[in-house]
C-alpha atoms as a PDB file:
ATOM      1  CA  MET A   1     103.496  89.459  83.695  1.00  0.00           C
ATOM      2  CA  GLY A   2     101.518  92.260  85.307  1.00  0.00           C
ATOM      3  CA  LEU A   3     102.601  94.561  88.107  1.00  0.00           C
ATOM      4  CA  LEU A   4      99.773  93.253  90.309  1.00  0.00           C
ATOM      5  CA  ASP A   5      99.696  89.578  89.365  1.00  0.00           C
ATOM      6  CA  ASP A   6      97.994  87.372  91.972  1.00  0.00           C
ATOM      7  CA  ARG A   7      96.996  90.323  94.147  1.00  0.00           C
ATOM      8  CA  THR A   8      93.586  91.375  95.375  1.00  0.00           C
ATOM      9  CA  ALA A   9      92.559  95.027  95.358  1.00  0.00           C
ATOM     10  CA  VAL A  10      89.521  96.619  96.977  1.00  0.00           C
ATOM     11  CA  ILE A  11      88.398  99.999  95.629  1.00  0.00           C
ATOM     12  CA  THR A  12      85.577 102.085  97.103  1.00  0.00           C
ATOM     13  CA  GLY A  13      83.474 104.474  95.053  1.00  0.00           C
ATOM     14  CA  ALA A  14      84.391 102.308  92.086  1.00  0.00           C
ATOM     15  CA  ALA A  15      81.199 102.133  90.043  1.00  0.00           C
ATOM     16  CA  GLN A  16      82.274 105.117  87.977  1.00  0.00           C
ATOM     17  CA  GLY A  17      84.857 107.861  87.515  1.00  0.00           C
ATOM     18  CA  ILE A  18      88.323 107.644  89.013  1.00  0.00           C
ATOM     19  CA  GLY A  19      87.508 104.572  91.098  1.00  0.00           C
ATOM     20  CA  LEU A  20      86.345 102.623  88.069  1.00  0.00           C
ATOM     21  CA  GLU A  21      89.411 103.651  86.084  1.00  0.00           C
ATOM     22  CA  ILE A  22      91.676 102.489  88.921  1.00  0.00           C
ATOM     23  CA  ALA A  23      89.869  99.154  88.981  1.00  0.00           C
ATOM     24  CA  ARG A  24      90.256  98.864  85.195  1.00  0.00           C
ATOM     25  CA  ARG A  25      94.013  99.539  85.356  1.00  0.00           C
ATOM     26  CA  PHE A  26      94.562  97.156  88.261  1.00  0.00           C
ATOM     27  CA  LEU A  27      92.669  94.392  86.464  1.00  0.00           C
ATOM     28  CA  ALA A  28      94.768  94.922  83.340  1.00  0.00           C
ATOM     29  CA  GLU A  29      97.881  94.481  85.503  1.00  0.00           C
ATOM     30  CA  GLY A  30      96.735  91.104  86.827  1.00  0.00           C
ATOM     31  CA  ALA A  31      94.873  91.991  90.019  1.00  0.00           C
ATOM     32  CA  ARG A  32      91.562  90.582  91.185  1.00  0.00           C
ATOM     33  CA  VAL A  33      89.402  93.636  91.903  1.00  0.00           C
ATOM     34  CA  VAL A  34      86.509  94.165  94.281  1.00  0.00           C
ATOM     35  CA  LEU A  35      84.456  97.256  93.500  1.00  0.00           C
ATOM     36  CA  GLY A  36      82.547  98.771  96.389  1.00  0.00           C
ATOM     37  CA  ASP A  37      79.976 101.514  95.863  1.00  0.00           C
ATOM     38  CA  ILE A  38      76.920 102.839  97.646  1.00  0.00           C
ATOM     39  CA  ASN A  39      75.068 101.974  94.424  1.00  0.00           C
ATOM     40  CA  GLY A  40      75.451  98.218  94.629  1.00  0.00           C
ATOM     41  CA  GLU A  41      73.746  97.533  91.303  1.00  0.00           C
ATOM     42  CA  ALA A  42      76.066  99.939  89.499  1.00  0.00           C
ATOM     43  CA  ALA A  43      79.082  98.323  91.165  1.00  0.00           C
ATOM     44  CA  GLU A  44      77.982  94.862  90.053  1.00  0.00           C
ATOM     45  CA  LYS A  45      77.319  96.099  86.502  1.00  0.00           C
ATOM     46  CA  SER A  46      80.711  97.817  86.263  1.00  0.00           C
ATOM     47  CA  ALA A  47      82.467  94.735  87.648  1.00  0.00           C
ATOM     48  CA  ALA A  48      80.748  92.494  85.099  1.00  0.00           C
ATOM     49  CA  GLU A  49      81.737  94.816  82.263  1.00  0.00           C
ATOM     50  CA  LEU A  50      85.353  94.914  83.435  1.00  0.00           C
ATOM     51  CA  ALA A  51      85.564  91.129  83.701  1.00  0.00           C
ATOM     52  CA  ALA A  52      84.040  90.724  80.245  1.00  0.00           C
ATOM     53  CA  ALA A  53      86.549  93.148  78.757  1.00  0.00           C
ATOM     54  CA  HIS A  54      89.547  91.325  80.268  1.00  0.00           C
ATOM     55  CA  ALA A  55      89.704  87.643  79.369  1.00  0.00           C
ATOM     56  CA  GLY A  56      90.342  85.698  82.541  1.00  0.00           C
ATOM     57  CA  GLY A  57      89.994  88.793  84.706  1.00  0.00           C
ATOM     58  CA  VAL A  58      88.159  88.595  88.014  1.00  0.00           C
ATOM     59  CA  ALA A  59      86.043  91.523  89.168  1.00  0.00           C
ATOM     60  CA  LEU A  60      83.340  91.582  91.826  1.00  0.00           C
ATOM     61  CA  GLY A  61      80.947  94.384  92.694  1.00  0.00           C
ATOM     62  CA  ALA A  62      79.173  94.981  95.993  1.00  0.00           C
ATOM     63  CA  ARG A  63      77.234  97.654  97.814  1.00  0.00           C
ATOM     64  CA  CYS A  64      79.270  99.543 100.373  1.00  0.00           C
ATOM     65  CA  ASP A  65      78.302 102.666 102.270  1.00  0.00           C
ATOM     66  CA  VAL A  66      81.727 103.784 103.490  1.00  0.00           C
ATOM     67  CA  THR A  67      80.196 105.638 106.434  1.00  0.00           C
ATOM     68  CA  ALA A  68      78.861 102.344 107.817  1.00  0.00           C
ATOM     69  CA  GLU A  69      81.451 100.372 109.780  1.00  0.00           C
ATOM     70  CA  ASP A  70      79.768  97.029 109.182  1.00  0.00           C
ATOM     71  CA  GLU A  71      79.558  97.548 105.411  1.00  0.00           C
ATOM     72  CA  VAL A  72      83.225  98.511 105.067  1.00  0.00           C
ATOM     73  CA  ASP A  73      84.261  95.540 107.192  1.00  0.00           C
ATOM     74  CA  ALA A  74      82.012  93.276 105.113  1.00  0.00           C
ATOM     75  CA  LEU A  75      83.540  94.506 101.837  1.00  0.00           C
ATOM     76  CA  VAL A  76      87.087  93.784 103.001  1.00  0.00           C
ATOM     77  CA  ARG A  77      86.020  90.495 104.575  1.00  0.00           C
ATOM     78  CA  ARG A  78      84.352  89.378 101.344  1.00  0.00           C
ATOM     79  CA  ALA A  79      87.542  90.065  99.379  1.00  0.00           C
ATOM     80  CA  GLU A  80      89.555  88.061 101.893  1.00  0.00           C
ATOM     81  CA  GLN A  81      87.081  85.176 101.917  1.00  0.00           C
ATOM     82  CA  GLU A  82      86.828  85.029  98.122  1.00  0.00           C
ATOM     83  CA  PHE A  83      90.535  85.362  97.352  1.00  0.00           C
ATOM     84  CA  GLY A  84      92.378  84.646 100.597  1.00  0.00           C
ATOM     85  CA  THR A  85      93.981  88.049 100.916  1.00  0.00           C
ATOM     86  CA  VAL A  86      93.657  91.803 100.521  1.00  0.00           C
ATOM     87  CA  ASP A  87      96.832  93.287  99.077  1.00  0.00           C
ATOM     88  CA  VAL A  88      95.654  96.744  98.015  1.00  0.00           C
ATOM     89  CA  MET A  89      92.994  99.052  99.442  1.00  0.00           C
ATOM     90  CA  VAL A  90      91.980 102.233  97.632  1.00  0.00           C
ATOM     91  CA  ASN A  91      89.813 104.608  99.656  1.00  0.00           C
ATOM     92  CA  ASN A  92      88.271 106.600  96.830  1.00  0.00           C
ATOM     93  CA  ALA A  93      84.568 107.102  97.662  1.00  0.00           C
ATOM     94  CA  GLY A  94      83.543 110.721  97.828  1.00  0.00           C
ATOM     95  CA  ILE A  95      80.757 113.281  97.550  1.00  0.00           C
ATOM     96  CA  THR A  96      80.491 117.055  97.311  1.00  0.00           C
ATOM     97  CA  ARG A  97      78.059 119.383  99.053  1.00  0.00           C
ATOM     98  CA  ASP A  98      79.481 122.753  98.022  1.00  0.00           C
ATOM     99  CA  ALA A  99      78.297 126.016  99.561  1.00  0.00           C
ATOM    100  CA  THR A 100      79.763 129.016 101.334  1.00  0.00           C
ATOM    101  CA  MET A 101      79.999 128.707 105.109  1.00  0.00           C
ATOM    102  CA  ARG A 102      77.117 131.142 105.447  1.00  0.00           C
ATOM    103  CA  LYS A 103      74.846 128.832 103.471  1.00  0.00           C
ATOM    104  CA  MET A 104      76.305 125.418 104.277  1.00  0.00           C
ATOM    105  CA  THR A 105      74.314 123.323 106.702  1.00  0.00           C
ATOM    106  CA  LEU A 106      75.909 121.359 109.503  1.00  0.00           C
ATOM    107  CA  ALA A 107      74.405 118.218 107.967  1.00  0.00           C
ATOM    108  CA  ASP A 108      76.206 118.852 104.676  1.00  0.00           C
ATOM    109  CA  PHE A 109      79.480 119.588 106.459  1.00  0.00           C
ATOM    110  CA  ARG A 110      79.254 116.344 108.406  1.00  0.00           C
ATOM    111  CA  ALA A 111      78.124 114.291 105.397  1.00  0.00           C
ATOM    112  CA  VAL A 112      81.228 115.185 103.411  1.00  0.00           C
ATOM    113  CA  LEU A 113      83.570 114.503 106.347  1.00  0.00           C
ATOM    114  CA  ASP A 114      81.825 111.205 107.017  1.00  0.00           C
ATOM    115  CA  VAL A 115      82.218 109.910 103.463  1.00  0.00           C
ATOM    116  CA  HIS A 116      85.769 111.103 102.806  1.00  0.00           C
ATOM    117  CA  LEU A 117      87.504 111.095 106.170  1.00  0.00           C
ATOM    118  CA  VAL A 118      85.566 108.618 108.287  1.00  0.00           C
ATOM    119  CA  GLY A 119      85.151 106.341 105.265  1.00  0.00           C
ATOM    120  CA  SER A 120      88.885 106.372 104.594  1.00  0.00           C
ATOM    121  CA  TRP A 121      89.627 105.681 108.252  1.00  0.00           C
ATOM    122  CA  LEU A 122      87.257 102.726 108.269  1.00  0.00           C
ATOM    123  CA  GLY A 123      88.780 101.368 105.049  1.00  0.00           C
ATOM    124  CA  THR A 124      92.326 101.858 106.302  1.00  0.00           C
ATOM    125  CA  ARG A 125      91.522 100.167 109.599  1.00  0.00           C
ATOM    126  CA  ALA A 126      89.749  97.195 108.010  1.00  0.00           C
ATOM    127  CA  ALA A 127      92.384  96.597 105.335  1.00  0.00           C
ATOM    128  CA  GLY A 128      95.246  97.215 107.746  1.00  0.00           C
ATOM    129  CA  ALA A 129      93.946  94.513 110.066  1.00  0.00           C
ATOM    130  CA  VAL A 130      94.144  91.963 107.232  1.00  0.00           C
ATOM    131  CA  MET A 131      97.418  93.182 105.751  1.00  0.00           C
ATOM    132  CA  ARG A 132      99.337  93.258 109.024  1.00  0.00           C
ATOM    133  CA  GLU A 133      98.828  89.521 109.432  1.00  0.00           C
ATOM    134  CA  ARG A 134     100.516  88.925 106.057  1.00  0.00           C
ATOM    135  CA  LYS A 135     103.249  91.522 106.622  1.00  0.00           C
ATOM    136  CA  ARG A 136     102.535  93.312 103.348  1.00  0.00           C
ATOM    137  CA  GLY A 137     100.022  95.584 101.669  1.00  0.00           C
ATOM    138  CA  SER A 138      99.406  98.978 100.130  1.00  0.00           C
ATOM    139  CA  ILE A 139      96.678 101.394 101.198  1.00  0.00           C
ATOM    140  CA  ILE A 140      95.986 104.383  98.952  1.00  0.00           C
ATOM    141  CA  ASN A 141      93.841 107.318 100.036  1.00  0.00           C
ATOM    142  CA  ILE A 142      92.450 109.544  97.283  1.00  0.00           C
ATOM    143  CA  SER A 143      92.687 113.041  98.734  1.00  0.00           C
ATOM    144  CA  SER A 144      92.536 116.219  96.616  1.00  0.00           C
ATOM    145  CA  ILE A 145      94.514 119.351  95.902  1.00  0.00           C
ATOM    146  CA  SER A 146      91.614 121.039  97.731  1.00  0.00           C
ATOM    147  CA  GLY A 147      93.073 119.581 100.900  1.00  0.00           C
ATOM    148  CA  LYS A 148      96.348 121.391 100.238  1.00  0.00           C
ATOM    149  CA  VAL A 149      95.146 124.865  99.322  1.00  0.00           C
ATOM    150  CA  GLY A 150      91.484 125.089 100.365  1.00  0.00           C
ATOM    151  CA  MET A 151      88.765 126.015  97.892  1.00  0.00           C
ATOM    152  CA  LEU A 152      86.045 128.637  98.075  1.00  0.00           C
ATOM    153  CA  GLY A 153      82.716 127.048  98.892  1.00  0.00           C
ATOM    154  CA  GLN A 154      84.368 123.830 100.035  1.00  0.00           C
ATOM    155  CA  THR A 155      85.111 124.186 103.731  1.00  0.00           C
ATOM    156  CA  ASN A 156      83.679 120.691 104.187  1.00  0.00           C
ATOM    157  CA  TYR A 157      85.502 119.076 101.220  1.00  0.00           C
ATOM    158  CA  SER A 158      88.828 120.829 101.843  1.00  0.00           C
ATOM    159  CA  SER A 159      88.697 119.918 105.540  1.00  0.00           C
ATOM    160  CA  ALA A 160      87.984 116.281 104.739  1.00  0.00           C
ATOM    161  CA  LYS A 161      90.690 116.021 102.088  1.00  0.00           C
ATOM    162  CA  ALA A 162      93.267 117.682 104.357  1.00  0.00           C
ATOM    163  CA  GLY A 163      92.264 115.287 107.116  1.00  0.00           C
ATOM    164  CA  MET A 164      92.946 112.369 104.807  1.00  0.00           C
ATOM    165  CA  VAL A 165      96.559 113.508 104.510  1.00  0.00           C
ATOM    166  CA  GLY A 166      96.920 113.461 108.292  1.00  0.00           C
ATOM    167  CA  LEU A 167      95.250 110.055 108.406  1.00  0.00           C
ATOM    168  CA  THR A 168      97.639 108.757 105.758  1.00  0.00           C
ATOM    169  CA  LYS A 169     100.752 109.881 107.598  1.00  0.00           C
ATOM    170  CA  ALA A 170      99.605 108.683 111.017  1.00  0.00           C
ATOM    171  CA  ALA A 171      98.479 105.292 109.694  1.00  0.00           C
ATOM    172  CA  ALA A 172     101.742 104.947 107.745  1.00  0.00           C
ATOM    173  CA  LYS A 173     103.689 105.327 110.971  1.00  0.00           C
ATOM    174  CA  GLU A 174     101.544 102.753 112.755  1.00  0.00           C
ATOM    175  CA  LEU A 175     101.743 100.135 110.029  1.00  0.00           C
ATOM    176  CA  ALA A 176     105.226 100.579 108.549  1.00  0.00           C
ATOM    177  CA  TYR A 177     106.984  98.038 110.768  1.00  0.00           C
ATOM    178  CA  LEU A 178     104.358  95.488 109.747  1.00  0.00           C
ATOM    179  CA  GLY A 179     105.190  95.828 106.063  1.00  0.00           C
ATOM    180  CA  VAL A 180     102.057  97.813 105.216  1.00  0.00           C
ATOM    181  CA  ARG A 181     102.455 101.050 103.257  1.00  0.00           C
ATOM    182  CA  VAL A 182      99.961 103.938 103.317  1.00  0.00           C
ATOM    183  CA  ASN A 183     100.136 106.737 100.760  1.00  0.00           C
ATOM    184  CA  ALA A 184      97.841 109.395  99.324  1.00  0.00           C
ATOM    185  CA  ILE A 185      97.113 110.941  95.958  1.00  0.00           C
ATOM    186  CA  GLN A 186      95.937 114.518  95.544  1.00  0.00           C
ATOM    187  CA  PRO A 187      94.293 114.903  92.125  1.00  0.00           C
ATOM    188  CA  GLY A 188      93.623 118.337  90.684  1.00  0.00           C
ATOM    189  CA  LEU A 189      91.160 119.030  87.893  1.00  0.00           C
ATOM    190  CA  ILE A 190      90.154 115.637  86.504  1.00  0.00           C
ATOM    191  CA  ARG A 191      87.769 115.219  83.584  1.00  0.00           C
ATOM    192  CA  THR A 192      84.816 113.346  85.087  1.00  0.00           C
ATOM    193  CA  ALA A 193      81.041 113.637  84.868  1.00  0.00           C
ATOM    194  CA  MET A 194      81.094 115.770  88.011  1.00  0.00           C
ATOM    195  CA  THR A 195      83.651 118.307  86.773  1.00  0.00           C
ATOM    196  CA  GLU A 196      82.246 118.464  83.261  1.00  0.00           C
ATOM    197  CA  ALA A 197      78.999 119.715  84.794  1.00  0.00           C
ATOM    198  CA  LEU A 198      80.797 122.905  85.895  1.00  0.00           C
ATOM    199  CA  ARG A 199      79.816 126.176  84.252  1.00  0.00           C
ATOM    200  CA  GLU A 200      82.010 127.071  81.280  1.00  0.00           C
ATOM    201  CA  ASP A 201      83.473 130.156  82.986  1.00  0.00           C
ATOM    202  CA  ILE A 202      84.386 128.180  86.117  1.00  0.00           C
ATOM    203  CA  TRP A 203      86.032 125.471  83.999  1.00  0.00           C
ATOM    204  CA  ALA A 204      88.019 128.106  82.093  1.00  0.00           C
ATOM    205  CA  ALA A 205      89.162 129.763  85.328  1.00  0.00           C
ATOM    206  CA  LYS A 206      90.426 126.445  86.673  1.00  0.00           C
ATOM    207  CA  LEU A 207      92.272 125.654  83.444  1.00  0.00           C
ATOM    208  CA  ALA A 208      93.993 129.049  83.613  1.00  0.00           C
ATOM    209  CA  GLU A 209      95.623 127.973  86.896  1.00  0.00           C
ATOM    210  CA  ILE A 210      97.187 124.843  85.374  1.00  0.00           C
ATOM    211  CA  PRO A 211     100.677 125.167  83.804  1.00  0.00           C
ATOM    212  CA  MET A 212      99.997 122.144  81.589  1.00  0.00           C
ATOM    213  CA  ALA A 213      96.855 123.944  80.362  1.00  0.00           C
ATOM    214  CA  ARG A 214      94.534 120.934  80.451  1.00  0.00           C
ATOM    215  CA  ALA A 215      92.530 118.760  82.779  1.00  0.00           C
ATOM    216  CA  ALA A 216      93.699 115.224  83.534  1.00  0.00           C
ATOM    217  CA  GLU A 217      91.935 112.076  82.429  1.00  0.00           C
ATOM    218  CA  PRO A 218      90.936 109.541  85.129  1.00  0.00           C
ATOM    219  CA  ALA A 219      93.470 107.110  83.636  1.00  0.00           C
ATOM    220  CA  GLU A 220      96.263 109.475  84.645  1.00  0.00           C
ATOM    221  CA  VAL A 221      95.249 109.171  88.283  1.00  0.00           C
ATOM    222  CA  ALA A 222      94.925 105.406  87.871  1.00  0.00           C
ATOM    223  CA  GLY A 223      98.518 105.217  86.668  1.00  0.00           C
ATOM    224  CA  VAL A 224      99.760 106.850  89.870  1.00  0.00           C
ATOM    225  CA  ALA A 225      97.562 104.523  91.928  1.00  0.00           C
ATOM    226  CA  LEU A 226      99.128 101.567  90.108  1.00  0.00           C
ATOM    227  CA  PHE A 227     102.590 102.853  90.995  1.00  0.00           C
ATOM    228  CA  LEU A 228     101.664 103.097  94.687  1.00  0.00           C
ATOM    229  CA  ALA A 229      99.939  99.701  94.663  1.00  0.00           C
ATOM    230  CA  SER A 230     102.897  97.914  93.086  1.00  0.00           C
ATOM    231  CA  GLU A 231     106.413  97.091  94.199  1.00  0.00           C
ATOM    232  CA  LEU A 232     107.675 100.027  92.123  1.00  0.00           C
ATOM    233  CA  SER A 233     106.981 102.125  95.233  1.00  0.00           C
ATOM    234  CA  SER A 234     108.160  99.529  97.762  1.00  0.00           C
ATOM    235  CA  TYR A 235     110.154 102.052  99.847  1.00  0.00           C
ATOM    236  CA  MET A 236     107.472 104.754  99.926  1.00  0.00           C
ATOM    237  CA  THR A 237     105.029 105.305 102.756  1.00  0.00           C
ATOM    238  CA  GLY A 238     103.351 108.379 104.196  1.00  0.00           C
ATOM    239  CA  THR A 239     103.803 110.237 100.910  1.00  0.00           C
ATOM    240  CA  VAL A 240     101.342 112.521  99.127  1.00  0.00           C
ATOM    241  CA  LEU A 241     101.588 112.570  95.334  1.00  0.00           C
ATOM    242  CA  GLU A 242      99.994 115.474  93.468  1.00  0.00           C
ATOM    243  CA  VAL A 243      98.412 114.803  90.072  1.00  0.00           C
ATOM    244  CA  THR A 244      97.634 118.374  89.100  1.00  0.00           C
ATOM    245  CA  GLY A 245      99.475 119.352  85.926  1.00  0.00           C
ATOM    246  CA  GLY A 246     101.534 121.714  88.084  1.00  0.00           C
ATOM    247  CA  ARG A 247      98.591 123.539  89.610  1.00  0.00           C
ATOM    248  CA  TYR A 248      99.416 125.059  93.020  1.00  0.00           C
ATOM    249  CA  MET A 249     102.992 123.749  93.022  1.00  0.00           C
END
């Protein structure tokens, strides 16, 4: 018996990194997973690899630009058509366009807000419309500790991630009476291809801020996502869970 047996989960930005690890954990717990990513070929490849690694597991990959309303709607609709339901939605897709305000372009500011905040709103709206009809569901928005404290050179990213917290709480209030829960996760320093590309001195400075003195692995975020997706968190909505090793507590 898995925690997500007979449930369907849609995860955006799932071809790699945290999104892929969430999909892997959900599949291991019995869910059917639909991986959306702007790189459709990578999503299909990752889905095929996941399915092959889990005997009897079902994983589908599809292109999804989360800034495009029709593509987000199509991703959720495909999951519903293939499996009859959407039980879990993880809005994980993200990008960075770091620069100080003096050097940041308006285009880069808007691009980051569009992917993180608008994309999460579109995913929440599309999944919520399906879930409300079945009187159950869990929506998980992957925010960031940057949305809590603000980071130098990330006025766009910090704004978007803070906005996702507001979105989570407002959507939770709208959907609670319909049996749909909406929660957020704020990861800190996670060991991914993106963070491992940081300069050694920047990495060391970030580690120095963490009481647990290490970065997290993507699987540690996936475990918290599993908790929020499952009935273990059945009386939680509008919450923001930090996965930071104690950083900025």
